Amino acid sequence: MDKTLRLAKRRRTVWAIHAACTLVAVLIIASLIYVLDRSVAEADRFGLSAERRLVANELRHQMDAVVQFQAQISFWDKTYQELAKGHVSDIFAADELMGWLWEDYGFSWLIVTDVDHNVSTVLKDGVVVPGDTARVPLDEVDDLLDEAKRRYDNSLRNNYGSYALDVVTPDPQSLMPAVPGIHAVDLREIDGRMSVAVVQAVIPETLVIPAERRAPMLLVSVRPVTAKMTREIAARLGIRGLAFVPLAERPEGSVFASIGRCSDASCLVAAWMPKSPGGFVRAELLPSVIVMAIVAALLMAFVAFRFSTLFAALQQSEALNRHLAKHDRLTGLLNRSGFDDMLAAALLRAKTHPFTLVYADLDEFKAVNDRHGHAAGDAVLVAMAERFRNRAGPKGTVARLGGDEFAIIVADCSETEARGFAVGLVADAQTPVAFNGQLLVIGGSAGIAFAPRHGLTARGLLLAADEALYLAKRRGRNRVETADDAVLPGEEPPAGPGGWGDFPTPVRYRA
């Protein structure tokens, strides 16, 4: 019957393993497909996000470059001295503004104005023009004028009759031109073209402003983003069809990045055709996904086969390990750990189901080991274990606690029966053991404790049985004593045949 139940359980387990492996294979394949789809979607999303970051960073670099170019004029002692009278001279305009700022850097507008928009000098496409022509570009950068003035004012600190600009001092060893950080810059449409507009107060390199010149003169610079620059940016970033167009007019299928501070639908945005790397990812990964799916299916089939063949061996191995964890390898009896578990379980119901604990110890066992070797000692232990187990029968649990010490828990046993059982153990110990053509003669002593009378804890009960065993050895070995026979110091020894005989001192409990 047990074998049939084990076989049925094994079949169910093997079926469950096959089902689990099949499910794992399906989940792996589904996961691969899901990962592939997610990879394609994430590649497209990441590619688009990366392109937007690249475009935004490139345009920011363009704005930073214009700021650096303009700072060569606005953050210069010569310019500051020129503006002492509120305007620059024609010679300065011709020598410093008309040439390289237009030809080298491509500024379309250079405007010098005060905070009240009183224009003193205007250059358009490298040519000095009347001041009233600058009204349109000034209106386009009106907010930048206010921002630049606010940053300038916020940076001023009164310095005993003059003002010092509280800005980060540029690193003299830096390869980049000095920029004091009080400018306002933006990308916006000026004269119908996307342009970088920069506004900054003209300040001396010492960053010290005389009190009479506290009110700043502002330099407005406008640099268009030309078609050539747009093509160069697209080639540098590896994108197609980059153009600055109104948001409502961008090409179908294109993506865009908002630039500048304009939020109206008519504002220009940077639009281009995305590369969509997801298709490339799918084409590259699909063969690998198919191969991995096939490998996963074969692997799970192999795992299911191996599990079904190894399951029985595993069950046997686990059963053996569980047995060895609680049993003595030499005798097959319970070991200390297994005995502790059995004793703890018996003590839990000792009040309703009393039991007997017998401590047995072999006498003269060391002499056998010394005279005949450890093989003889092992033979004695195996023989004693078999005898004690047979005598205990189904009502007793026998354990080897270590060395030549044994413990037996006997249930449903009267005190008279317990004494008789222990006497039988001593007789078993005295029966010679055959080994290599000779008889090995030893003896045995036993101590008895009754639960719950002698203790309701493992420590207390074991101590009581151990004291009884110690008393048996003191009284001459090869005999049985109970915990009732052991008395505390100062008590009278028991009278009659069960007394201490010729021993002059009473037995003491050991720690």
Protein backbone atom coordinates (compact mmCIF):
# COMPACT_ATOMS: atom_id res chain seq x y z
CA MET A 1 0.00 0.00 0.00
CA ASP A 2 2.81 2.43 0.92
CA LYS A 3 4.65 1.59 -2.28
CA THR A 4 1.51 2.29 -4.32
CA LEU A 5 1.07 5.63 -2.59
CA ARG A 6 4.70 6.53 -3.20
CA LEU A 7 4.41 5.63 -6.89
CA ALA A 8 1.24 7.70 -7.23
CA LYS A 9 2.93 10.64 -5.53
CA ARG A 10 5.94 10.25 -7.80
CA ARG A 11 3.73 10.26 -10.93
CA ARG A 12 1.97 13.41 -9.74
CA THR A 13 5.28 15.08 -9.00
CA VAL A 14 6.76 14.13 -12.38
CA TRP A 15 3.64 15.44 -14.14
CA ALA A 16 3.89 18.66 -12.16
CA ILE A 17 7.56 19.00 -13.14
CA HIS A 18 6.72 18.52 -16.83
CA ALA A 19 3.89 21.04 -16.57
CA ALA A 20 6.12 23.52 -14.76
CA CYS A 21 8.90 23.17 -17.36
CA THR A 22 6.41 23.66 -20.18
CA LEU A 23 5.05 26.73 -18.46
CA VAL A 24 8.56 28.08 -17.92
CA ALA A 25 9.39 27.53 -21.61
CA VAL A 26 6.21 29.37 -22.65
CA LEU A 27 6.98 32.19 -20.22
CA ILE A 28 10.56 32.47 -21.49
CA ILE A 29 9.40 32.66 -25.12
CA ALA A 30 6.69 35.17 -24.21
CA SER A 31 9.25 37.18 -22.24
CA LEU A 32 11.62 37.20 -25.20
CA ILE A 33 8.88 38.48 -27.48
CA TYR A 34 7.84 41.09 -24.93
CA VAL A 35 11.46 42.18 -24.42
CA LEU A 36 11.91 42.46 -28.19
CA ASP A 37 8.81 44.63 -28.56
CA ARG A 38 9.80 46.74 -25.58
CA SER A 39 13.33 47.06 -26.92
CA VAL A 40 12.00 48.32 -30.25
CA ALA A 41 9.67 50.79 -28.53
CA GLU A 42 12.35 51.92 -26.09
CA ALA A 43 14.90 52.24 -28.89
CA ASP A 44 12.51 54.51 -30.80
CA ARG A 45 11.72 56.48 -27.66
CA PHE A 46 15.35 56.74 -26.59
CA GLY A 47 16.46 57.61 -30.11
CA LEU A 48 13.89 60.38 -30.34
CA SER A 49 14.79 61.62 -26.86
CA ALA A 50 18.48 61.53 -27.73
CA GLU A 51 17.89 63.42 -30.98
CA ARG A 52 15.90 66.08 -29.12
CA ARG A 53 18.66 66.41 -26.54
CA LEU A 54 21.28 66.64 -29.28
CA VAL A 55 19.35 69.33 -31.13
CA ALA A 56 18.65 71.27 -27.94
CA ASN A 57 22.29 71.00 -26.83
CA GLU A 58 23.56 72.07 -30.25
CA LEU A 59 21.31 75.12 -30.28
CA ARG A 60 22.43 75.90 -26.74
CA HIS A 61 26.04 75.68 -27.91
CA GLN A 62 25.19 78.09 -30.72
CA MET A 63 23.74 80.53 -28.18
CA ASP A 64 26.79 80.10 -25.90
CA ALA A 65 29.06 80.81 -28.85
CA VAL A 66 27.21 84.03 -29.66
CA VAL A 67 27.43 85.03 -25.99
CA GLN A 68 31.19 84.43 -26.11
CA PHE A 69 31.56 86.43 -29.34
CA GLN A 70 29.52 89.35 -28.03
CA ALA A 71 31.37 89.36 -24.68
CA GLN A 72 34.56 90.30 -26.53
CA ILE A 73 32.94 93.72 -27.10
CA SER A 74 30.59 94.13 -24.12
CA PHE A 75 33.16 92.98 -21.54
CA TRP A 76 36.08 95.12 -22.69
CA ASP A 77 37.71 98.23 -21.20
CA LYS A 78 38.04 99.88 -24.61
CA THR A 79 34.31 99.60 -25.32
CA TYR A 80 33.48 100.84 -21.82
CA GLN A 81 35.74 103.87 -22.29
CA GLU A 82 34.21 104.57 -25.70
CA LEU A 83 30.76 104.71 -24.15
CA ALA A 84 31.77 107.25 -21.52
CA LYS A 85 29.86 109.86 -23.57
CA GLY A 86 26.95 107.55 -24.31
CA HIS A 87 27.98 106.43 -27.80
CA VAL A 88 30.94 104.94 -29.65
CA SER A 89 33.00 106.91 -32.10
CA ASP A 90 32.90 106.32 -35.84
CA ILE A 91 36.52 105.16 -35.71
CA PHE A 92 35.73 102.54 -33.06
CA ALA A 93 32.67 101.43 -35.01
CA ALA A 94 34.70 101.12 -38.18
CA ASP A 95 37.74 99.43 -36.61
CA GLU A 96 36.10 97.17 -34.02
CA LEU A 97 32.49 96.61 -35.03
CA MET A 98 32.11 96.77 -38.80
CA GLY A 99 34.74 94.23 -39.70
CA TRP A 100 35.21 91.04 -37.73
CA LEU A 101 31.89 91.01 -35.85
CA TRP A 102 30.07 90.92 -39.16
CA GLU A 103 32.48 89.12 -41.45
CA ASP A 104 33.85 86.57 -38.96
CA TYR A 105 30.87 86.01 -36.66
CA GLY A 106 27.97 86.95 -38.92
CA PHE A 107 26.10 89.38 -36.61
CA SER A 108 23.20 90.96 -38.52
CA TRP A 109 22.50 93.57 -35.83
CA LEU A 110 24.69 95.35 -33.27
CA ILE A 111 22.77 97.93 -31.28
CA VAL A 112 24.00 100.13 -28.43
CA THR A 113 21.15 101.52 -26.31
CA ASP A 114 20.43 102.68 -22.79
CA VAL A 115 17.77 101.27 -20.47
CA ASP A 116 15.21 103.75 -21.86
CA HIS A 117 15.76 102.43 -25.40
CA ASN A 118 17.63 105.53 -26.50
CA VAL A 119 19.73 104.11 -29.32
CA SER A 120 23.21 105.57 -29.83
CA THR A 121 24.79 103.23 -32.40
CA VAL A 122 23.28 100.74 -34.84
CA LEU A 123 25.07 98.38 -37.25
CA LYS A 124 23.10 96.25 -39.67
CA ASP A 125 24.98 93.67 -41.72
CA GLY A 126 28.25 95.43 -40.90
CA VAL A 127 27.08 98.92 -41.91
CA VAL A 128 26.22 101.83 -39.62
CA VAL A 129 22.55 102.78 -40.08
CA PRO A 130 20.27 105.38 -38.45
CA GLY A 131 19.06 104.65 -34.95
CA ASP A 132 15.36 104.54 -35.83
CA THR A 133 15.93 101.44 -37.99
CA ALA A 134 16.58 99.46 -34.81
CA ARG A 135 13.06 99.81 -33.45
CA VAL A 136 11.82 96.55 -34.92
CA PRO A 137 14.62 94.30 -33.58
CA LEU A 138 14.51 96.12 -30.24
CA ASP A 139 10.80 95.37 -29.96
CA GLU A 140 11.58 91.70 -30.61
CA VAL A 141 14.07 91.58 -27.72
CA ASP A 142 12.27 93.88 -25.31
CA ASP A 143 12.02 91.17 -22.64
CA LEU A 144 15.74 90.39 -22.99
CA LEU A 145 16.57 94.07 -22.42
CA ASP A 146 14.61 94.02 -19.17
CA GLU A 147 16.21 90.73 -18.09
CA ALA A 148 19.73 91.94 -18.84
CA LYS A 149 19.13 95.16 -16.90
CA ARG A 150 17.69 93.20 -13.96
CA ARG A 151 20.70 90.88 -13.86
CA TYR A 152 23.02 93.85 -14.02
CA ASP A 153 21.20 95.63 -11.18
CA ASN A 154 21.11 92.48 -9.04
CA SER A 155 24.85 92.05 -9.41
CA LEU A 156 25.78 95.58 -8.31
CA ARG A 157 27.18 96.04 -4.82
CA ASN A 158 27.87 99.48 -3.31
CA ASN A 159 31.62 99.86 -2.80
CA TYR A 160 32.18 103.20 -1.00
CA GLY A 161 31.34 105.64 -3.78
CA SER A 162 31.52 103.14 -6.63
CA TYR A 163 29.87 99.84 -7.50
CA ALA A 164 31.37 96.42 -7.84
CA LEU A 165 29.79 93.70 -9.93
CA ASP A 166 29.24 90.64 -7.77
CA VAL A 167 29.71 88.02 -10.48
CA VAL A 168 31.91 85.01 -10.87
CA THR A 169 35.37 86.19 -11.87
CA PRO A 170 36.38 84.46 -15.10
CA ASP A 171 39.29 82.06 -14.89
CA PRO A 172 42.31 83.84 -16.44
CA GLN A 173 43.72 80.44 -17.51
CA SER A 174 40.53 79.38 -19.27
CA LEU A 175 40.68 78.97 -23.03
CA MET A 176 37.16 80.38 -23.36
CA PRO A 177 36.63 84.15 -23.56
CA ALA A 178 35.52 85.86 -20.37
CA VAL A 179 31.75 86.00 -19.80
CA PRO A 180 30.57 87.78 -16.64
CA GLY A 181 27.19 86.06 -16.57
CA ILE A 182 24.85 89.09 -16.61
CA HIS A 183 23.57 88.58 -20.15
CA ALA A 184 20.15 87.53 -21.47
CA VAL A 185 20.05 85.23 -24.51
CA ASP A 186 17.36 83.50 -26.55
CA LEU A 187 16.57 81.92 -29.90
CA ARG A 188 13.74 83.72 -31.65
CA GLU A 189 12.52 84.91 -35.03
CA ILE A 190 13.97 88.30 -36.00
CA ASP A 191 13.61 89.78 -39.51
CA GLY A 192 11.85 86.56 -40.55
CA ARG A 193 14.82 84.35 -39.67
CA MET A 194 15.62 82.20 -36.66
CA SER A 195 18.31 84.13 -34.80
CA VAL A 196 20.30 84.13 -31.58
CA ALA A 197 19.74 87.36 -29.68
CA VAL A 198 22.05 88.42 -26.82
CA VAL A 199 21.74 91.48 -24.57
CA GLN A 200 24.38 92.48 -22.01
CA ALA A 201 25.45 95.63 -20.21
CA VAL A 202 28.82 96.98 -21.33
CA ILE A 203 31.16 96.71 -18.32
CA PRO A 204 34.90 97.14 -17.68
CA GLU A 205 37.19 94.21 -17.11
CA THR A 206 37.86 95.40 -13.57
CA LEU A 207 34.15 94.86 -12.73
CA VAL A 208 34.17 98.25 -10.92
CA ILE A 209 31.50 100.77 -11.99
CA PRO A 210 31.84 104.47 -11.07
CA ALA A 211 28.80 105.93 -9.34
CA GLU A 212 28.14 108.40 -12.19
CA ARG A 213 27.92 105.50 -14.66
CA ARG A 214 25.70 103.21 -12.67
CA ALA A 215 22.99 103.28 -15.36
CA PRO A 216 24.23 100.70 -17.93
CA MET A 217 24.61 100.93 -21.67
CA LEU A 218 23.30 97.73 -23.24
CA LEU A 219 24.74 95.99 -26.28
CA VAL A 220 22.24 94.02 -28.37
CA SER A 221 23.64 91.40 -30.75
CA VAL A 222 21.65 89.36 -33.28
CA ARG A 223 23.15 86.45 -35.19
CA PRO A 224 20.91 84.61 -37.69
CA VAL A 225 20.97 80.82 -37.94
CA THR A 226 21.64 80.56 -41.66
CA ALA A 227 20.73 77.72 -44.01
CA LYS A 228 24.38 76.72 -44.16
CA MET A 229 24.59 76.58 -40.37
CA THR A 230 21.41 74.48 -40.30
CA ARG A 231 22.87 71.99 -42.78
CA GLU A 232 26.11 71.80 -40.80
CA ILE A 233 24.19 71.14 -37.57
CA ALA A 234 22.15 68.39 -39.24
CA ALA A 235 25.27 66.76 -40.64
CA ARG A 236 27.06 67.01 -37.31
CA LEU A 237 24.13 65.45 -35.43
CA GLY A 238 23.31 62.85 -38.10
CA ILE A 239 19.66 63.90 -38.54
CA ARG A 240 17.65 64.50 -41.71
CA GLY A 241 15.64 67.47 -42.87
CA LEU A 242 16.44 69.88 -40.03
CA ALA A 243 14.61 73.17 -40.54
CA PHE A 244 13.12 76.00 -38.50
CA VAL A 245 9.43 76.19 -39.33
CA PRO A 246 6.21 77.27 -37.58
CA LEU A 247 4.82 74.49 -35.41
CA ALA A 248 1.58 74.32 -37.43
CA GLU A 249 3.50 73.93 -40.69
CA ARG A 250 6.02 71.25 -39.79
CA PRO A 251 6.25 68.33 -42.27
CA GLU A 252 4.15 65.21 -41.71
CA GLY A 253 6.03 62.48 -39.83
CA SER A 254 8.57 64.91 -38.47
CA VAL A 255 9.40 65.51 -34.83
CA PHE A 256 10.28 68.82 -33.29
CA ALA A 257 11.98 70.49 -30.38
CA SER A 258 10.67 73.73 -28.98
CA ILE A 259 13.36 76.38 -28.91
CA GLY A 260 13.52 79.76 -27.30
CA ARG A 261 10.86 81.20 -25.05
CA CYS A 262 8.09 81.54 -27.60
CA SER A 263 5.08 79.30 -26.86
CA ASP A 264 2.68 80.44 -29.56
CA ALA A 265 1.65 78.02 -32.33
CA SER A 266 3.07 80.40 -34.90
CA CYS A 267 6.54 80.33 -33.29
CA LEU A 268 9.38 78.65 -35.12
CA VAL A 269 10.45 75.20 -33.94
CA ALA A 270 13.33 72.94 -34.96
CA ALA A 271 11.77 70.10 -36.95
CA TRP A 272 13.43 67.04 -38.53
CA MET A 273 12.69 63.49 -39.68
CA PRO A 274 13.48 60.91 -36.96
CA LYS A 275 15.75 57.97 -37.70
CA SER A 276 13.53 55.41 -35.84
CA PRO A 277 16.20 52.93 -34.63
CA GLY A 278 13.52 50.43 -33.51
CA GLY A 279 13.34 48.82 -36.95
CA PHE A 280 17.10 48.26 -36.90
CA VAL A 281 16.88 46.79 -33.40
CA ARG A 282 14.09 44.41 -34.46
CA ALA A 283 16.00 43.24 -37.53
CA GLU A 284 19.15 42.69 -35.49
CA LEU A 285 17.54 40.96 -32.51
CA LEU A 286 14.81 38.83 -34.10
CA PRO A 287 17.13 35.98 -35.22
CA SER A 288 18.70 35.88 -31.77
CA VAL A 289 15.28 35.83 -30.13
CA ILE A 290 14.20 32.88 -32.29
CA VAL A 291 17.36 30.96 -31.45
CA MET A 292 16.99 31.69 -27.73
CA ALA A 293 13.34 30.57 -27.83
CA ILE A 294 14.31 27.25 -29.42
CA VAL A 295 17.16 26.79 -26.95
CA ALA A 296 14.81 27.60 -24.05
CA ALA A 297 12.27 25.02 -25.23
CA LEU A 298 14.96 22.34 -25.62
CA LEU A 299 16.51 23.24 -22.31
CA MET A 300 13.20 22.97 -20.48
CA ALA A 301 12.55 19.61 -22.14
CA PHE A 302 15.96 18.40 -20.97
CA VAL A 303 15.35 19.78 -17.48
CA ALA A 304 11.98 18.01 -17.30
CA PHE A 305 13.60 14.73 -18.37
CA ARG A 306 16.44 15.07 -15.90
CA PHE A 307 14.11 16.01 -13.08
CA SER A 308 11.90 13.02 -13.72
CA THR A 309 14.91 10.67 -13.62
CA LEU A 310 16.57 12.31 -10.65
CA PHE A 311 13.47 12.88 -8.56
CA ALA A 312 13.41 9.35 -7.13
CA ALA A 313 17.11 9.53 -6.24
CA LEU A 314 16.58 12.94 -4.70
CA GLN A 315 13.73 11.63 -2.56
CA GLN A 316 15.91 8.78 -1.33
CA SER A 317 18.81 11.13 -0.67
CA GLU A 318 16.61 13.57 1.24
CA ALA A 319 15.12 10.75 3.30
CA LEU A 320 18.63 9.50 4.10
CA ASN A 321 19.82 12.99 5.03
CA ARG A 322 16.82 13.52 7.30
CA HIS A 323 17.51 10.16 8.91
CA LEU A 324 21.23 10.84 9.40
CA ALA A 325 20.52 14.26 10.88
CA LYS A 326 18.66 12.63 13.76
CA HIS A 327 20.32 9.21 13.97
CA ASP A 328 23.69 7.82 14.97
CA ARG A 329 25.67 6.62 11.93
CA LEU A 330 27.22 3.63 13.72
CA THR A 331 24.23 2.11 15.50
CA GLY A 332 21.26 3.55 13.64
CA LEU A 333 19.75 4.75 16.94
CA LEU A 334 18.57 8.29 17.54
CA ASN A 335 21.43 10.70 18.17
CA ARG A 336 21.46 13.56 20.66
CA SER A 337 19.46 15.85 18.37
CA GLY A 338 16.82 13.24 17.62
CA PHE A 339 16.57 12.26 21.28
CA ASP A 340 16.13 15.91 22.35
CA ASP A 341 13.20 16.23 19.94
CA MET A 342 11.56 13.03 21.23
CA LEU A 343 12.09 14.02 24.87
CA ALA A 344 10.67 17.50 24.28
CA ALA A 345 7.58 15.98 22.62
CA ALA A 346 7.11 13.50 25.47
CA LEU A 347 7.47 16.24 28.12
CA LEU A 348 4.72 18.31 26.49
CA ARG A 349 2.18 15.62 27.38
CA ALA A 350 3.90 14.20 30.46
CA LYS A 351 1.15 15.38 32.82
CA THR A 352 -1.45 13.27 31.03
CA HIS A 353 0.87 10.57 29.66
CA PRO A 354 3.63 9.78 32.19
CA PHE A 355 6.75 8.04 30.90
CA THR A 356 10.02 6.60 32.09
CA LEU A 357 13.52 7.82 31.18
CA VAL A 358 16.32 5.27 31.51
CA TYR A 359 19.95 6.32 31.37
CA ALA A 360 22.26 3.36 30.61
CA ASP A 361 26.04 3.29 30.53
CA LEU A 362 28.37 0.42 29.58
CA ASP A 363 30.85 -0.62 32.25
CA GLU A 364 34.46 -1.47 31.37
CA PHE A 365 33.89 -0.33 27.79
CA LYS A 366 37.12 1.68 27.70
CA ALA A 367 39.07 -1.47 28.56
CA VAL A 368 37.64 -3.16 25.46
CA ASN A 369 38.80 -0.27 23.28
CA ASP A 370 42.23 -0.21 24.89
CA ARG A 371 42.73 -3.98 24.67
CA HIS A 372 41.11 -4.93 21.38
CA GLY A 373 40.96 -1.67 19.43
CA HIS A 374 38.17 0.62 18.29
CA ALA A 375 36.79 -1.93 15.84
CA ALA A 376 35.97 -4.15 18.82
CA GLY A 377 34.42 -1.18 20.60
CA ASP A 378 32.25 -0.44 17.57
CA ALA A 379 31.13 -4.07 17.44
CA VAL A 380 30.10 -3.87 21.11
CA LEU A 381 28.15 -0.65 20.53
CA VAL A 382 26.32 -2.12 17.51
CA ALA A 383 25.45 -5.27 19.46
CA MET A 384 24.23 -3.29 22.48
CA ALA A 385 22.15 -1.01 20.29
CA GLU A 386 20.42 -3.99 18.69
CA ARG A 387 19.77 -5.64 22.08
CA PHE A 388 18.41 -2.44 23.65
CA ARG A 389 16.20 -1.77 20.64
CA ASN A 390 14.77 -5.30 20.74
CA ARG A 391 14.12 -5.05 24.46
CA ALA A 392 12.45 -1.63 24.18
CA GLY A 393 10.14 -2.84 21.42
CA PRO A 394 7.38 -0.59 20.10
CA LYS A 395 6.83 1.08 23.50
CA GLY A 396 10.38 2.43 23.82
CA THR A 397 12.61 4.87 21.97
CA VAL A 398 16.35 4.15 22.21
CA ALA A 399 19.07 6.78 21.58
CA ARG A 400 22.85 6.79 21.72
CA LEU A 401 23.87 10.09 23.30
CA GLY A 402 27.58 9.65 22.66
CA GLY A 403 30.38 7.24 23.51
CA ASP A 404 28.87 4.35 25.49
CA GLU A 405 25.88 6.30 26.88
CA PHE A 406 22.34 5.33 25.93
CA ALA A 407 18.97 6.81 26.81
CA ILE A 408 15.59 5.11 26.49
CA ILE A 409 12.15 6.70 26.72
CA VAL A 410 9.51 4.12 27.67
CA ALA A 411 5.80 4.99 27.50
CA ASP A 412 2.86 3.38 29.31
CA CYS A 413 5.10 1.70 31.84
CA SER A 414 4.59 1.22 35.57
CA GLU A 415 7.45 1.72 37.98
CA THR A 416 7.75 -2.05 38.52
CA GLU A 417 7.84 -2.66 34.78
CA ALA A 418 10.39 0.14 34.41
CA ARG A 419 12.68 -1.48 36.97
CA GLY A 420 12.35 -4.82 35.23
CA PHE A 421 13.06 -3.23 31.88
CA ALA A 422 16.20 -1.54 33.21
CA VAL A 423 17.37 -4.80 34.84
CA GLY A 424 16.96 -6.43 31.43
CA LEU A 425 19.15 -3.74 29.87
CA VAL A 426 21.86 -4.47 32.44
CA ALA A 427 21.58 -8.17 31.65
CA ASP A 428 21.88 -7.42 27.93
CA ALA A 429 25.02 -5.40 28.64
CA GLN A 430 26.52 -8.29 30.65
CA THR A 431 25.97 -10.81 27.85
CA PRO A 432 29.32 -11.27 26.05
CA VAL A 433 29.73 -10.06 22.48
CA ALA A 434 31.47 -12.28 19.92
CA PHE A 435 34.25 -10.56 17.97
CA ASN A 436 36.95 -12.17 15.81
CA GLY A 437 36.65 -15.55 17.53
CA GLN A 438 36.62 -14.22 21.06
CA LEU A 439 34.03 -13.04 23.56
CA LEU A 440 34.11 -9.46 24.75
CA VAL A 441 32.75 -9.14 28.28
CA ILE A 442 31.52 -5.84 29.64
CA GLY A 443 28.76 -4.72 31.95
CA GLY A 444 26.23 -1.97 32.35
CA SER A 445 24.53 0.32 34.82
CA ALA A 446 21.21 2.12 34.53
CA GLY A 447 19.49 5.07 36.17
CA ILE A 448 15.75 5.66 36.06
CA ALA A 449 13.74 8.88 36.30
CA PHE A 450 9.95 9.16 36.09
CA ALA A 451 8.14 12.02 34.38
CA PRO A 452 6.50 14.11 35.56
CA ARG A 453 7.50 13.20 39.13
CA HIS A 454 11.21 13.87 38.71
CA GLY A 455 10.93 16.81 36.34
CA LEU A 456 8.94 18.55 33.66
CA THR A 457 11.96 19.96 31.85
CA ALA A 458 14.53 18.12 29.80
CA ARG A 459 17.37 19.42 31.94
CA GLY A 460 15.72 18.45 35.19
CA LEU A 461 14.67 15.00 34.06
CA LEU A 462 18.04 14.21 32.49
CA LEU A 463 19.82 15.36 35.65
CA ALA A 464 17.65 13.10 37.78
CA ALA A 465 18.31 10.06 35.55
CA ASP A 466 22.01 10.88 35.43
CA GLU A 467 22.21 11.07 39.23
CA ALA A 468 20.49 7.71 39.45
CA LEU A 469 23.02 6.25 36.97
CA TYR A 470 25.87 7.78 38.97
CA LEU A 471 24.45 6.19 42.11
CA ALA A 472 24.32 2.79 40.40
CA LYS A 473 28.00 3.06 39.51
CA ARG A 474 28.88 4.16 43.06
CA ARG A 475 27.08 1.14 44.46
CA GLY A 476 29.16 -1.32 42.49
CA ARG A 477 28.05 -1.09 38.82
CA ASN A 478 25.97 -3.67 36.92
CA ARG A 479 22.83 -2.56 38.77
CA VAL A 480 19.82 -0.25 38.50
CA GLU A 481 18.91 2.76 40.63
CA THR A 482 16.11 5.29 40.41
CA ALA A 483 16.06 9.00 41.06
CA ASP A 484 14.15 8.21 44.25
CA ASP A 485 17.23 6.38 45.54
CA ALA A 486 19.40 9.51 45.27
CA VAL A 487 19.24 11.86 48.27
CA LEU A 488 20.64 15.30 48.98
CA PRO A 489 23.61 15.79 51.35
CA GLY A 490 22.59 15.54 55.01
CA GLU A 491 19.69 13.12 54.38
CA GLU A 492 19.72 9.63 55.87
CA PRO A 493 20.54 6.88 53.35
CA PRO A 494 17.67 4.56 52.54
CA ALA A 495 17.38 1.56 54.84
CA GLY A 496 17.15 -2.06 53.83
CA PRO A 497 18.47 -3.93 50.82
CA GLY A 498 18.30 -0.90 48.58
CA GLY A 499 20.62 1.20 50.79
CA TRP A 500 24.17 2.35 50.07
CA GLY A 501 25.85 -0.66 51.72
CA ASP A 502 29.47 0.04 52.59
CA PHE A 503 29.71 3.50 50.94
CA PRO A 504 30.67 5.95 53.73
CA THR A 505 29.36 9.15 52.14
CA PRO A 506 26.03 9.99 50.49
CA VAL A 507 25.72 10.65 46.76
CA ARG A 508 25.91 14.30 45.66
CA TYR A 509 24.21 15.78 42.64
CA ARG A 510 26.67 16.77 39.91
CA ALA A 511 26.57 20.13 38.20
